[in-house]
Amino acid sequence: MVNNMKKLSLIIFDMDGLMFDTERLTISAWEKVGKDFGYELTPTITAGATGLNARDTVFYFKKYLGESFPYFDILKLKLKYVEKYIEQNGIPIKEGLYELLEFLEAKSVPKAVATSTEREKAEVCLSLAKVKDKFDLIVCGDEVLRGKPEPDIFLKGAKEMDCLPNECVVLEDSENGLKAASRARMYPICAPDLRRPSREVQKLIYKEFASLVHVKTFLESKLNSIDQK
């Protein structure tokens, strides 16, 4: 990754694990429902599916647990568990999200969401968090042929916003998302969720910060130092 960003035309946000603290909830749900079906869905296994779209997630689980693994039955119950939690407790927001969005809006920096989640679910989550209208574009996993770690979803977002890839920053928490951003020739910024990226993936990222609070601080200084004309 080249470190001499000269212009910032678009900030692309991942959703789960980056904006919303839903990865822990999802992993817990997989583990609980797996036991109901007699499978040991450990965090190590389920974390590997982070960032994958629906189609690739099916392949991922069957690869580890065999073709007889009743993925769709387990998924249906898992979704009910997650939906019930969010209904009772609201969607958990990552620290610094609202402040970062307000800052970028004040600076007139275009913002997009690129999530592996299907559109129907993504729009519900964004609406519950009251941030759906904060974004200029939403691209979802069911709208691209290849999911993360392939770059399709990020390239689609840049194209629809008429932005060059090398003028786009991608905010991600997952290894699959960071790989996709790198392959898109964008600037991947990592705000880790459950675990830091591997050493291999760390070589691909532009910057890494502990939270969106620190991302905002960095972007404040960056926008002051690059040409935004």
C-alpha atoms as a PDB file:
ATOM      1  CA  MET A   1       0.000   0.000   0.000  1.00  0.00           C
ATOM      2  CA  VAL A   2       1.355   3.360  -1.054  1.00  0.00           C
ATOM      3  CA  ASN A   3       1.291   5.841   1.799  1.00  0.00           C
ATOM      4  CA  ASN A   4       1.189   9.099  -0.134  1.00  0.00           C
ATOM      5  CA  MET A   5      -2.549   9.733  -0.321  1.00  0.00           C
ATOM      6  CA  LYS A   6      -3.002  12.985  -2.204  1.00  0.00           C
ATOM      7  CA  LYS A   7      -6.767  13.226  -2.209  1.00  0.00           C
ATOM      8  CA  LEU A   8      -9.622  11.746  -0.203  1.00  0.00           C
ATOM      9  CA  SER A   9     -12.823  11.462  -2.242  1.00  0.00           C
ATOM     10  CA  LEU A  10     -14.769   8.780  -0.365  1.00  0.00           C
ATOM     11  CA  ILE A  11     -14.874   7.004   2.990  1.00  0.00           C
ATOM     12  CA  ILE A  12     -16.318   3.484   2.759  1.00  0.00           C
ATOM     13  CA  PHE A  13     -17.597   1.912   5.979  1.00  0.00           C
ATOM     14  CA  ASP A  14     -18.041  -1.762   6.719  1.00  0.00           C
ATOM     15  CA  MET A  15     -21.055  -2.393   8.960  1.00  0.00           C
ATOM     16  CA  ASP A  16     -20.970  -5.375  11.361  1.00  0.00           C
ATOM     17  CA  GLY A  17     -18.004  -5.229  13.721  1.00  0.00           C
ATOM     18  CA  LEU A  18     -17.006  -1.766  12.469  1.00  0.00           C
ATOM     19  CA  MET A  19     -20.036   0.428  13.096  1.00  0.00           C
ATOM     20  CA  PHE A  20     -22.053  -2.011  15.188  1.00  0.00           C
ATOM     21  CA  ASP A  21     -20.800  -4.274  17.962  1.00  0.00           C
ATOM     22  CA  THR A  22     -22.657  -7.235  16.485  1.00  0.00           C
ATOM     23  CA  GLU A  23     -19.843  -9.722  15.867  1.00  0.00           C
ATOM     24  CA  ARG A  24     -19.764 -10.841  19.498  1.00  0.00           C
ATOM     25  CA  LEU A  25     -23.514 -11.255  19.420  1.00  0.00           C
ATOM     26  CA  THR A  26     -23.363 -13.234  16.180  1.00  0.00           C
ATOM     27  CA  ILE A  27     -20.594 -15.557  17.393  1.00  0.00           C
ATOM     28  CA  SER A  28     -22.467 -16.182  20.636  1.00  0.00           C
ATOM     29  CA  ALA A  29     -25.626 -16.963  18.664  1.00  0.00           C
ATOM     30  CA  TRP A  30     -23.822 -19.437  16.373  1.00  0.00           C
ATOM     31  CA  GLU A  31     -22.378 -21.214  19.411  1.00  0.00           C
ATOM     32  CA  LYS A  32     -25.720 -21.403  21.230  1.00  0.00           C
ATOM     33  CA  VAL A  33     -27.720 -22.602  18.229  1.00  0.00           C
ATOM     34  CA  GLY A  34     -24.980 -25.034  17.220  1.00  0.00           C
ATOM     35  CA  LYS A  35     -25.367 -26.805  20.567  1.00  0.00           C
ATOM     36  CA  ASP A  36     -29.106 -27.088  19.951  1.00  0.00           C
ATOM     37  CA  PHE A  37     -28.275 -29.009  16.765  1.00  0.00           C
ATOM     38  CA  GLY A  38     -25.425 -31.028  18.242  1.00  0.00           C
ATOM     39  CA  TYR A  39     -22.537 -29.081  16.660  1.00  0.00           C
ATOM     40  CA  GLU A  40     -19.627 -27.387  18.382  1.00  0.00           C
ATOM     41  CA  LEU A  41     -19.495 -24.016  16.650  1.00  0.00           C
ATOM     42  CA  THR A  42     -16.550 -22.530  18.485  1.00  0.00           C
ATOM     43  CA  PRO A  43     -15.603 -18.848  18.199  1.00  0.00           C
ATOM     44  CA  THR A  44     -12.497 -19.938  16.287  1.00  0.00           C
ATOM     45  CA  ILE A  45     -14.650 -21.538  13.591  1.00  0.00           C
ATOM     46  CA  THR A  46     -17.367 -18.894  13.368  1.00  0.00           C
ATOM     47  CA  ALA A  47     -14.927 -15.952  13.440  1.00  0.00           C
ATOM     48  CA  GLY A  48     -13.505 -17.226  10.157  1.00  0.00           C
ATOM     49  CA  ALA A  49     -16.813 -16.420   8.463  1.00  0.00           C
ATOM     50  CA  THR A  50     -16.605 -12.758   9.435  1.00  0.00           C
ATOM     51  CA  GLY A  51     -16.941 -10.511   6.406  1.00  0.00           C
ATOM     52  CA  LEU A  52     -18.139 -13.261   4.051  1.00  0.00           C
ATOM     53  CA  ASN A  53     -21.363 -12.863   2.083  1.00  0.00           C
ATOM     54  CA  ALA A  54     -24.249 -15.302   2.474  1.00  0.00           C
ATOM     55  CA  ARG A  55     -23.185 -17.623  -0.353  1.00  0.00           C
ATOM     56  CA  ASP A  56     -19.578 -17.879   0.761  1.00  0.00           C
ATOM     57  CA  THR A  57     -20.646 -18.433   4.379  1.00  0.00           C
ATOM     58  CA  VAL A  58     -22.511 -21.589   3.337  1.00  0.00           C
ATOM     59  CA  PHE A  59     -19.394 -22.948   1.620  1.00  0.00           C
ATOM     60  CA  TYR A  60     -17.257 -21.974   4.605  1.00  0.00           C
ATOM     61  CA  PHE A  61     -19.304 -23.897   7.179  1.00  0.00           C
ATOM     62  CA  LYS A  62     -19.757 -26.970   4.984  1.00  0.00           C
ATOM     63  CA  LYS A  63     -16.017 -27.040   4.374  1.00  0.00           C
ATOM     64  CA  TYR A  64     -15.392 -27.363   8.104  1.00  0.00           C
ATOM     65  CA  LEU A  65     -18.427 -29.370   9.166  1.00  0.00           C
ATOM     66  CA  GLY A  66     -19.317 -31.435   6.108  1.00  0.00           C
ATOM     67  CA  GLU A  67     -21.970 -31.350   3.415  1.00  0.00           C
ATOM     68  CA  SER A  68     -24.601 -32.704   5.828  1.00  0.00           C
ATOM     69  CA  PHE A  69     -24.286 -29.627   8.058  1.00  0.00           C
ATOM     70  CA  PRO A  70     -27.845 -28.154   8.212  1.00  0.00           C
ATOM     71  CA  TYR A  71     -26.685 -24.607   7.578  1.00  0.00           C
ATOM     72  CA  PHE A  72     -29.998 -23.002   6.665  1.00  0.00           C
ATOM     73  CA  ASP A  73     -31.897 -24.519   9.608  1.00  0.00           C
ATOM     74  CA  ILE A  74     -29.202 -23.344  11.998  1.00  0.00           C
ATOM     75  CA  LEU A  75     -29.031 -19.931  10.317  1.00  0.00           C
ATOM     76  CA  LYS A  76     -32.782 -19.424  10.677  1.00  0.00           C
ATOM     77  CA  LEU A  77     -32.637 -20.021  14.428  1.00  0.00           C
ATOM     78  CA  LYS A  78     -29.463 -17.964  14.768  1.00  0.00           C
ATOM     79  CA  LEU A  79     -31.118 -14.976  13.102  1.00  0.00           C
ATOM     80  CA  LYS A  80     -34.098 -15.248  15.466  1.00  0.00           C
ATOM     81  CA  TYR A  81     -31.742 -15.162  18.426  1.00  0.00           C
ATOM     82  CA  VAL A  82     -29.936 -12.074  17.139  1.00  0.00           C
ATOM     83  CA  GLU A  83     -33.183 -10.310  16.189  1.00  0.00           C
ATOM     84  CA  LYS A  84     -34.641 -10.966  19.633  1.00  0.00           C
ATOM     85  CA  TYR A  85     -31.574  -9.507  21.328  1.00  0.00           C
ATOM     86  CA  ILE A  86     -31.626  -6.368  19.179  1.00  0.00           C
ATOM     87  CA  GLU A  87     -35.376  -5.992  19.688  1.00  0.00           C
ATOM     88  CA  GLN A  88     -34.921  -6.099  23.465  1.00  0.00           C
ATOM     89  CA  ASN A  89     -31.653  -4.180  23.770  1.00  0.00           C
ATOM     90  CA  GLY A  90     -31.273  -2.123  20.595  1.00  0.00           C
ATOM     91  CA  ILE A  91     -28.398  -2.394  18.165  1.00  0.00           C
ATOM     92  CA  PRO A  92     -25.016  -1.982  19.905  1.00  0.00           C
ATOM     93  CA  ILE A  93     -23.108   0.987  18.485  1.00  0.00           C
ATOM     94  CA  LYS A  94     -19.320   1.169  18.355  1.00  0.00           C
ATOM     95  CA  GLU A  95     -17.705   4.012  20.276  1.00  0.00           C
ATOM     96  CA  GLY A  96     -17.050   7.079  18.158  1.00  0.00           C
ATOM     97  CA  LEU A  97     -19.353   6.218  15.243  1.00  0.00           C
ATOM     98  CA  TYR A  98     -21.723   9.163  15.556  1.00  0.00           C
ATOM     99  CA  GLU A  99     -18.922  11.631  16.149  1.00  0.00           C
ATOM    100  CA  LEU A 100     -17.005  10.364  13.102  1.00  0.00           C
ATOM    101  CA  LEU A 101     -20.071  10.624  10.864  1.00  0.00           C
ATOM    102  CA  GLU A 102     -20.807  14.143  12.100  1.00  0.00           C
ATOM    103  CA  PHE A 103     -17.217  15.205  11.456  1.00  0.00           C
ATOM    104  CA  LEU A 104     -17.192  13.817   7.903  1.00  0.00           C
ATOM    105  CA  GLU A 105     -20.550  15.438   7.207  1.00  0.00           C
ATOM    106  CA  ALA A 106     -19.228  18.792   8.416  1.00  0.00           C
ATOM    107  CA  LYS A 107     -16.230  18.376   6.107  1.00  0.00           C
ATOM    108  CA  SER A 108     -18.510  17.377   3.185  1.00  0.00           C
ATOM    109  CA  VAL A 109     -16.653  14.083   2.717  1.00  0.00           C
ATOM    110  CA  PRO A 110     -18.837  11.541   0.850  1.00  0.00           C
ATOM    111  CA  LYS A 111     -19.615   8.366   2.801  1.00  0.00           C
ATOM    112  CA  ALA A 112     -20.695   4.890   1.693  1.00  0.00           C
ATOM    113  CA  VAL A 113     -21.501   1.576   3.345  1.00  0.00           C
ATOM    114  CA  ALA A 114     -20.156  -1.646   1.831  1.00  0.00           C
ATOM    115  CA  THR A 115     -21.405  -4.618   3.833  1.00  0.00           C
ATOM    116  CA  SER A 116     -21.520  -8.344   3.147  1.00  0.00           C
ATOM    117  CA  THR A 117     -24.954  -8.371   4.766  1.00  0.00           C
ATOM    118  CA  GLU A 118     -28.023  -8.613   2.502  1.00  0.00           C
ATOM    119  CA  ARG A 119     -29.752  -5.292   1.786  1.00  0.00           C
ATOM    120  CA  GLU A 120     -32.984  -6.005   3.674  1.00  0.00           C
ATOM    121  CA  LYS A 121     -31.159  -6.768   6.917  1.00  0.00           C
ATOM    122  CA  ALA A 122     -28.552  -4.032   6.400  1.00  0.00           C
ATOM    123  CA  GLU A 123     -31.148  -1.303   5.948  1.00  0.00           C
ATOM    124  CA  VAL A 124     -32.975  -2.437   9.101  1.00  0.00           C
ATOM    125  CA  CYS A 125     -29.764  -2.256  11.140  1.00  0.00           C
ATOM    126  CA  LEU A 126     -28.752   1.129   9.739  1.00  0.00           C
ATOM    127  CA  SER A 127     -32.237   2.500  10.384  1.00  0.00           C
ATOM    128  CA  LEU A 128     -32.322   1.191  13.959  1.00  0.00           C
ATOM    129  CA  ALA A 129     -29.017   2.957  14.565  1.00  0.00           C
ATOM    130  CA  LYS A 130     -30.407   6.117  12.953  1.00  0.00           C
ATOM    131  CA  VAL A 131     -27.494   6.376  10.511  1.00  0.00           C
ATOM    132  CA  LYS A 132     -29.015   5.168   7.239  1.00  0.00           C
ATOM    133  CA  ASP A 133     -29.576   8.710   6.000  1.00  0.00           C
ATOM    134  CA  LYS A 134     -26.016   9.698   6.898  1.00  0.00           C
ATOM    135  CA  PHE A 135     -24.630   7.768   3.915  1.00  0.00           C
ATOM    136  CA  ASP A 136     -24.606   8.737   0.253  1.00  0.00           C
ATOM    137  CA  LEU A 137     -24.581   5.106  -0.893  1.00  0.00           C
ATOM    138  CA  ILE A 138     -25.213   1.615   0.504  1.00  0.00           C
ATOM    139  CA  VAL A 139     -23.825  -1.444  -1.292  1.00  0.00           C
ATOM    140  CA  CYS A 140     -24.722  -4.895   0.038  1.00  0.00           C
ATOM    141  CA  GLY A 141     -23.425  -8.419  -0.283  1.00  0.00           C
ATOM    142  CA  ASP A 142     -26.341  -9.637  -2.379  1.00  0.00           C
ATOM    143  CA  GLU A 143     -25.578  -7.008  -5.023  1.00  0.00           C
ATOM    144  CA  VAL A 144     -22.146  -8.231  -6.134  1.00  0.00           C
ATOM    145  CA  LEU A 145     -21.071 -11.490  -7.720  1.00  0.00           C
ATOM    146  CA  ARG A 146     -18.013 -12.061  -5.553  1.00  0.00           C
ATOM    147  CA  GLY A 147     -17.918 -11.272  -1.855  1.00  0.00           C
ATOM    148  CA  LYS A 148     -15.024 -10.193   0.343  1.00  0.00           C
ATOM    149  CA  PRO A 149     -12.056 -10.891   0.257  1.00  0.00           C
ATOM    150  CA  GLU A 150     -12.580 -10.108  -3.442  1.00  0.00           C
ATOM    151  CA  PRO A 151     -12.699  -6.340  -4.144  1.00  0.00           C
ATOM    152  CA  ASP A 152     -16.012  -6.223  -6.036  1.00  0.00           C
ATOM    153  CA  ILE A 153     -18.137  -4.537  -3.376  1.00  0.00           C
ATOM    154  CA  PHE A 154     -15.641  -1.711  -2.822  1.00  0.00           C
ATOM    155  CA  LEU A 155     -15.060  -1.159  -6.525  1.00  0.00           C
ATOM    156  CA  LYS A 156     -18.815  -1.020  -7.087  1.00  0.00           C
ATOM    157  CA  GLY A 157     -19.137   1.627  -4.375  1.00  0.00           C
ATOM    158  CA  ALA A 158     -16.342   3.746  -5.842  1.00  0.00           C
ATOM    159  CA  LYS A 159     -17.765   3.454  -9.348  1.00  0.00           C
ATOM    160  CA  GLU A 160     -21.272   4.455  -8.290  1.00  0.00           C
ATOM    161  CA  MET A 161     -19.860   7.449  -6.420  1.00  0.00           C
ATOM    162  CA  ASP A 162     -17.635   8.321  -9.413  1.00  0.00           C
ATOM    163  CA  CYS A 163     -14.481   8.118  -7.296  1.00  0.00           C
ATOM    164  CA  LEU A 164     -11.069   6.720  -8.139  1.00  0.00           C
ATOM    165  CA  PRO A 165     -10.073   3.710  -5.990  1.00  0.00           C
ATOM    166  CA  ASN A 166      -6.795   5.352  -4.940  1.00  0.00           C
ATOM    167  CA  GLU A 167      -8.793   8.244  -3.471  1.00  0.00           C
ATOM    168  CA  CYS A 168     -10.924   5.974  -1.258  1.00  0.00           C
ATOM    169  CA  VAL A 169     -10.407   5.020   2.379  1.00  0.00           C
ATOM    170  CA  VAL A 170     -12.022   1.807   3.610  1.00  0.00           C
ATOM    171  CA  LEU A 171     -12.811   1.362   7.309  1.00  0.00           C
ATOM    172  CA  GLU A 172     -12.833  -2.338   8.183  1.00  0.00           C
ATOM    173  CA  ASP A 173     -12.459  -4.705  11.122  1.00  0.00           C
ATOM    174  CA  SER A 174     -12.239  -8.126   9.436  1.00  0.00           C
ATOM    175  CA  GLU A 175      -9.367  -9.765   7.590  1.00  0.00           C
ATOM    176  CA  ASN A 176     -11.599 -10.551   4.613  1.00  0.00           C
ATOM    177  CA  GLY A 177     -12.643  -6.910   4.382  1.00  0.00           C
ATOM    178  CA  LEU A 178      -9.098  -5.605   4.678  1.00  0.00           C
ATOM    179  CA  LYS A 179      -7.909  -7.990   1.967  1.00  0.00           C
ATOM    180  CA  ALA A 180     -10.751  -6.816  -0.284  1.00  0.00           C
ATOM    181  CA  ALA A 181      -9.882  -3.155   0.251  1.00  0.00           C
ATOM    182  CA  SER A 182      -6.223  -3.828  -0.544  1.00  0.00           C
ATOM    183  CA  ARG A 183      -7.131  -5.727  -3.702  1.00  0.00           C
ATOM    184  CA  ALA A 184      -9.298  -2.777  -4.725  1.00  0.00           C
ATOM    185  CA  ARG A 185      -6.170  -0.587  -4.470  1.00  0.00           C
ATOM    186  CA  MET A 186      -7.794   1.548  -1.794  1.00  0.00           C
ATOM    187  CA  TYR A 187      -6.496   2.625   1.617  1.00  0.00           C
ATOM    188  CA  PRO A 188      -7.585   0.050   4.244  1.00  0.00           C
ATOM    189  CA  ILE A 189      -7.865   1.403   7.774  1.00  0.00           C
ATOM    190  CA  CYS A 190      -8.363  -1.260  10.413  1.00  0.00           C
ATOM    191  CA  ALA A 191     -10.354  -0.754  13.611  1.00  0.00           C
ATOM    192  CA  PRO A 192     -10.160  -4.303  15.040  1.00  0.00           C
ATOM    193  CA  ASP A 193     -13.176  -5.876  16.641  1.00  0.00           C
ATOM    194  CA  LEU A 194     -12.672  -9.307  18.214  1.00  0.00           C
ATOM    195  CA  ARG A 195      -9.084  -9.787  17.158  1.00  0.00           C
ATOM    196  CA  ARG A 196      -6.264  -7.984  15.389  1.00  0.00           C
ATOM    197  CA  PRO A 197      -5.483  -8.994  11.817  1.00  0.00           C
ATOM    198  CA  SER A 198      -2.739 -11.524  11.195  1.00  0.00           C
ATOM    199  CA  ARG A 199       0.784 -10.367  10.405  1.00  0.00           C
ATOM    200  CA  GLU A 200       0.130 -11.189   6.757  1.00  0.00           C
ATOM    201  CA  VAL A 201      -2.880  -8.887   6.620  1.00  0.00           C
ATOM    202  CA  GLN A 202      -1.191  -6.178   8.708  1.00  0.00           C
ATOM    203  CA  LYS A 203       1.214  -5.753   5.801  1.00  0.00           C
ATOM    204  CA  LEU A 204      -1.732  -4.823   3.557  1.00  0.00           C
ATOM    205  CA  ILE A 205      -3.324  -2.130   5.691  1.00  0.00           C
ATOM    206  CA  TYR A 206      -2.703   1.598   5.602  1.00  0.00           C
ATOM    207  CA  LYS A 207      -3.326   2.341   9.281  1.00  0.00           C
ATOM    208  CA  GLU A 208      -4.669   0.564  12.352  1.00  0.00           C
ATOM    209  CA  PHE A 209      -6.483   2.231  15.257  1.00  0.00           C
ATOM    210  CA  ALA A 210      -8.057   0.941  18.449  1.00  0.00           C
ATOM    211  CA  SER A 211     -11.425   2.552  17.773  1.00  0.00           C
ATOM    212  CA  LEU A 212     -13.380   4.920  15.555  1.00  0.00           C
ATOM    213  CA  VAL A 213     -12.508   7.657  18.025  1.00  0.00           C
ATOM    214  CA  HIS A 214      -8.881   7.345  16.945  1.00  0.00           C
ATOM    215  CA  VAL A 215      -9.896   7.065  13.288  1.00  0.00           C
ATOM    216  CA  LYS A 216     -11.605  10.456  13.581  1.00  0.00           C
ATOM    217  CA  THR A 217      -8.492  12.020  15.122  1.00  0.00           C
ATOM    218  CA  PHE A 218      -6.357  10.669  12.281  1.00  0.00           C
ATOM    219  CA  LEU A 219      -8.733  11.839   9.555  1.00  0.00           C
ATOM    220  CA  GLU A 220      -8.886  15.294  11.089  1.00  0.00           C
ATOM    221  CA  SER A 221      -5.130  15.652  10.670  1.00  0.00           C
ATOM    222  CA  LYS A 222      -5.121  13.923   7.289  1.00  0.00           C
ATOM    223  CA  LEU A 223      -7.779  16.170   5.770  1.00  0.00           C
ATOM    224  CA  ASN A 224      -5.743  19.164   6.843  1.00  0.00           C
ATOM    225  CA  SER A 225      -2.609  17.866   5.138  1.00  0.00           C
ATOM    226  CA  ILE A 226      -3.870  16.663   1.747  1.00  0.00           C
ATOM    227  CA  ASP A 227      -5.288  18.531  -1.184  1.00  0.00           C
ATOM    228  CA  GLN A 228      -9.074  18.292  -1.106  1.00  0.00           C
ATOM    229  CA  LYS A 229      -9.680  20.556  -4.054  1.00  0.00           C
END
